[in-house]
Structures are given as structure tokens and as C-alpha cells.
Amino acid sequence: MADLDHFKALNDTYGHEAGDKALRHFSTIVRANLRPQDVPCRFGGEEFVFVLPGYDAETAAAAMERLRVALGESFNGTGPIYSASFGVADSADGTDLESLLRVADAAVYSAKQLGRDRVVIGEPDGGMHRPLRAAG
């Protein structure tokens, strides 16, 4: 799951047209950085859900980290700059879509609490979430 950071402030400061442009821009980054078999979905507002077949939590987190980095590198100095926070749930840890979404959403919340612009792997038992440790 992904949630664009400070999206309300972006809309309030620059207008809804800028918000719409940010959503389209993020979608372009997503399409350019996911595999053909991956399924990106707009979940609502500025939230997105990704289904990444065949990936475990660590591999999915690495894919989301690539998206996060690509988004950060995509800005060319025109328009507002924004980031995204990501939460990962492993389908092996859930029994249904609703429970997986809860885990991913809680992980996104943790990512935001830890400072935004990061990837966190959720834990199905509601325990401590694991922030992705990027190389370097």
C-alpha cells in the first residue's frame, strides 16, 4: 500500500489541479517501475494498493523502495515535490484481503510516524513493524 505524503497540504497550497497532476505523475512512476504482472490500484484519494504476485514481504518491500526512490528522483524542478510512504503485507500472513489491507495500512501509518518517505513491512499480529533498511 502507498499513501502520498502531505497530499492535503499539496492540494490546499497549490490547488486541486496540482493534486491531480501529482496523482498522474505517481501513476507514471508506478507503471515504469513495476512488472507487467503486478497490479496497481488506486484505493481512494491519494492511497494506492499493489498486488505483486510471487513476491514475499522482503522482495515486495524492495520493489516499493525502488518506487520510492524513483519518485524522489523524478522531480525536475518544476511544480511541487512530494513523497510517498509505503506499507507491505505478505499474503502468507493473512487469511483474506481485508486482513492484509489492515496490516498494510498499519505499516503505512508506521512509516508516516517514523518520518514519512519510507517503506515499512507490517506484522500480522499487530506487533512492531519493520522499517526497510535501504543500502548505503
Protein backbone atom coordinates (compact mmCIF):
# COMPACT_ATOMS: atom_id res chain seq x y z
CA MET A 1 0.00 0.00 0.00
CA ALA A 2 1.20 3.56 -0.68
CA ASP A 3 -0.03 6.91 0.56
CA LEU A 4 1.24 10.19 -0.88
CA ASP A 5 2.74 12.29 1.91
CA HIS A 6 1.20 15.65 2.82
CA PHE A 7 -1.26 15.38 -0.07
CA LYS A 8 -3.88 17.60 1.59
CA ALA A 9 -1.28 20.34 2.04
CA LEU A 10 -0.29 19.99 -1.62
CA ASN A 11 -3.93 20.41 -2.68
CA ASP A 12 -4.54 23.28 -0.25
CA THR A 13 -1.36 25.13 -1.22
CA TYR A 14 -1.21 24.57 -4.98
CA GLY A 15 -4.82 23.66 -5.84
CA HIS A 16 -6.62 20.53 -6.89
CA GLU A 17 -5.14 20.67 -10.38
CA ALA A 18 -1.69 20.22 -8.81
CA GLY A 19 -3.06 17.32 -6.75
CA ASP A 20 -4.46 15.68 -9.88
CA LYS A 21 -1.12 16.19 -11.62
CA ALA A 22 0.68 14.60 -8.65
CA LEU A 23 -1.59 11.54 -8.86
CA ARG A 24 -0.96 11.18 -12.59
CA HIS A 25 2.79 11.64 -12.07
CA PHE A 26 2.85 8.96 -9.36
CA SER A 27 0.91 6.61 -11.66
CA THR A 28 3.52 7.13 -14.38
CA ILE A 29 6.31 6.27 -11.93
CA VAL A 30 4.39 3.16 -10.84
CA ARG A 31 3.86 1.93 -14.41
CA ALA A 32 7.54 2.48 -15.26
CA ASN A 33 8.83 0.59 -12.21
CA LEU A 34 6.56 -2.42 -11.73
CA ARG A 35 6.49 -5.71 -13.63
CA PRO A 36 3.77 -6.35 -16.25
CA GLN A 37 2.10 -8.93 -13.96
CA ASP A 38 1.91 -6.54 -10.99
CA VAL A 39 -1.46 -4.93 -10.34
CA PRO A 40 -1.52 -1.30 -9.14
CA CYS A 41 -4.88 0.01 -7.91
CA ARG A 42 -5.98 3.40 -6.71
CA PHE A 43 -7.57 2.61 -3.36
CA GLY A 44 -9.05 6.05 -2.75
CA GLY A 45 -7.88 9.63 -2.59
CA GLU A 46 -4.10 9.50 -2.56
CA GLU A 47 -3.86 5.86 -1.47
CA PHE A 48 -2.77 3.01 -3.72
CA VAL A 49 -2.68 -0.76 -3.31
CA PHE A 50 -0.30 -3.01 -5.21
CA VAL A 51 -0.62 -6.75 -5.78
CA LEU A 52 2.81 -8.22 -6.52
CA PRO A 53 2.36 -11.91 -7.43
CA GLY A 54 5.18 -14.23 -6.38
CA TYR A 55 6.87 -11.73 -4.06
CA ASP A 56 7.45 -12.33 -0.37
CA ALA A 57 7.43 -9.37 2.02
CA GLU A 58 11.13 -8.58 1.64
CA THR A 59 11.02 -8.68 -2.17
CA ALA A 60 7.84 -6.59 -2.21
CA ALA A 61 9.44 -4.08 0.15
CA ALA A 62 12.45 -3.82 -2.18
CA ALA A 63 10.07 -3.17 -5.11
CA MET A 64 8.32 -0.44 -3.12
CA GLU A 65 11.71 1.04 -2.19
CA ARG A 66 12.54 1.25 -5.91
CA LEU A 67 9.25 3.11 -6.44
CA ARG A 68 10.01 5.45 -3.55
CA VAL A 69 13.47 6.25 -4.90
CA ALA A 70 12.22 6.65 -8.49
CA LEU A 71 9.59 9.11 -7.30
CA GLY A 72 12.20 11.16 -5.45
CA GLU A 73 14.50 11.21 -8.47
CA SER A 74 11.72 12.15 -10.91
CA PHE A 75 11.30 15.80 -10.00
CA ASN A 76 12.89 18.26 -12.41
CA GLY A 77 12.45 21.50 -10.50
CA THR A 78 9.01 22.38 -11.84
CA GLY A 79 5.98 22.02 -9.62
CA PRO A 80 5.70 20.84 -6.04
CA ILE A 81 7.84 17.99 -4.76
CA TYR A 82 6.18 15.25 -2.71
CA SER A 83 7.00 11.80 -1.42
CA ALA A 84 5.11 8.62 -0.54
CA SER A 85 5.00 6.26 2.43
CA PHE A 86 4.65 2.52 1.82
CA GLY A 87 3.36 -0.38 3.89
CA VAL A 88 3.87 -4.01 2.94
CA ALA A 89 1.80 -7.06 3.92
CA ASP A 90 2.75 -10.62 2.99
CA SER A 91 -0.16 -12.70 1.68
CA ALA A 92 1.27 -15.69 3.57
CA ASP A 93 0.44 -13.82 6.79
CA GLY A 94 -3.23 -13.17 6.07
CA THR A 95 -6.36 -15.16 5.55
CA ASP A 96 -8.26 -12.64 3.44
CA LEU A 97 -7.88 -9.35 1.58
CA GLU A 98 -9.37 -7.31 4.42
CA SER A 99 -6.82 -8.57 6.95
CA LEU A 100 -3.95 -7.95 4.52
CA LEU A 101 -5.16 -4.40 3.90
CA ARG A 102 -5.27 -3.80 7.67
CA VAL A 103 -1.66 -4.96 8.02
CA ALA A 104 -0.50 -2.84 5.07
CA ASP A 105 -2.44 0.21 6.29
CA ALA A 106 -0.94 -0.12 9.79
CA ALA A 107 2.51 -0.33 8.19
CA VAL A 108 1.83 2.86 6.17
CA TYR A 109 0.79 4.55 9.41
CA SER A 110 4.07 3.40 10.99
CA ALA A 111 6.02 4.75 8.01
CA LYS A 112 4.37 8.13 8.47
CA GLN A 113 5.01 8.08 12.24
CA LEU A 114 8.70 7.31 11.55
CA GLY A 115 9.05 10.41 9.36
CA ARG A 116 7.32 9.59 6.05
CA ASP A 117 9.02 8.81 2.71
CA ARG A 118 9.87 5.24 3.68
CA VAL A 119 8.84 1.60 3.37
CA VAL A 120 7.70 -0.46 6.36
CA ILE A 121 6.88 -4.17 6.42
CA GLY A 122 3.78 -4.87 8.52
CA GLU A 123 3.42 -7.65 11.06
CA PRO A 124 0.17 -9.66 11.04
CA ASP A 125 -0.04 -9.84 14.83
CA GLY A 126 -0.01 -6.06 15.11
CA GLY A 127 3.46 -6.18 16.65
CA MET A 128 6.39 -3.93 15.89
CA HIS A 129 6.67 -3.11 12.20
CA ARG A 130 9.97 -3.49 10.36
CA PRO A 131 11.23 -0.40 8.52
CA LEU A 132 13.11 -1.28 5.36
CA ARG A 133 16.78 -0.56 5.74
CA ALA A 134 17.99 0.86 2.45
CA ALA A 135 21.55 0.12 1.34
CA GLY A 136 24.03 2.92 1.72
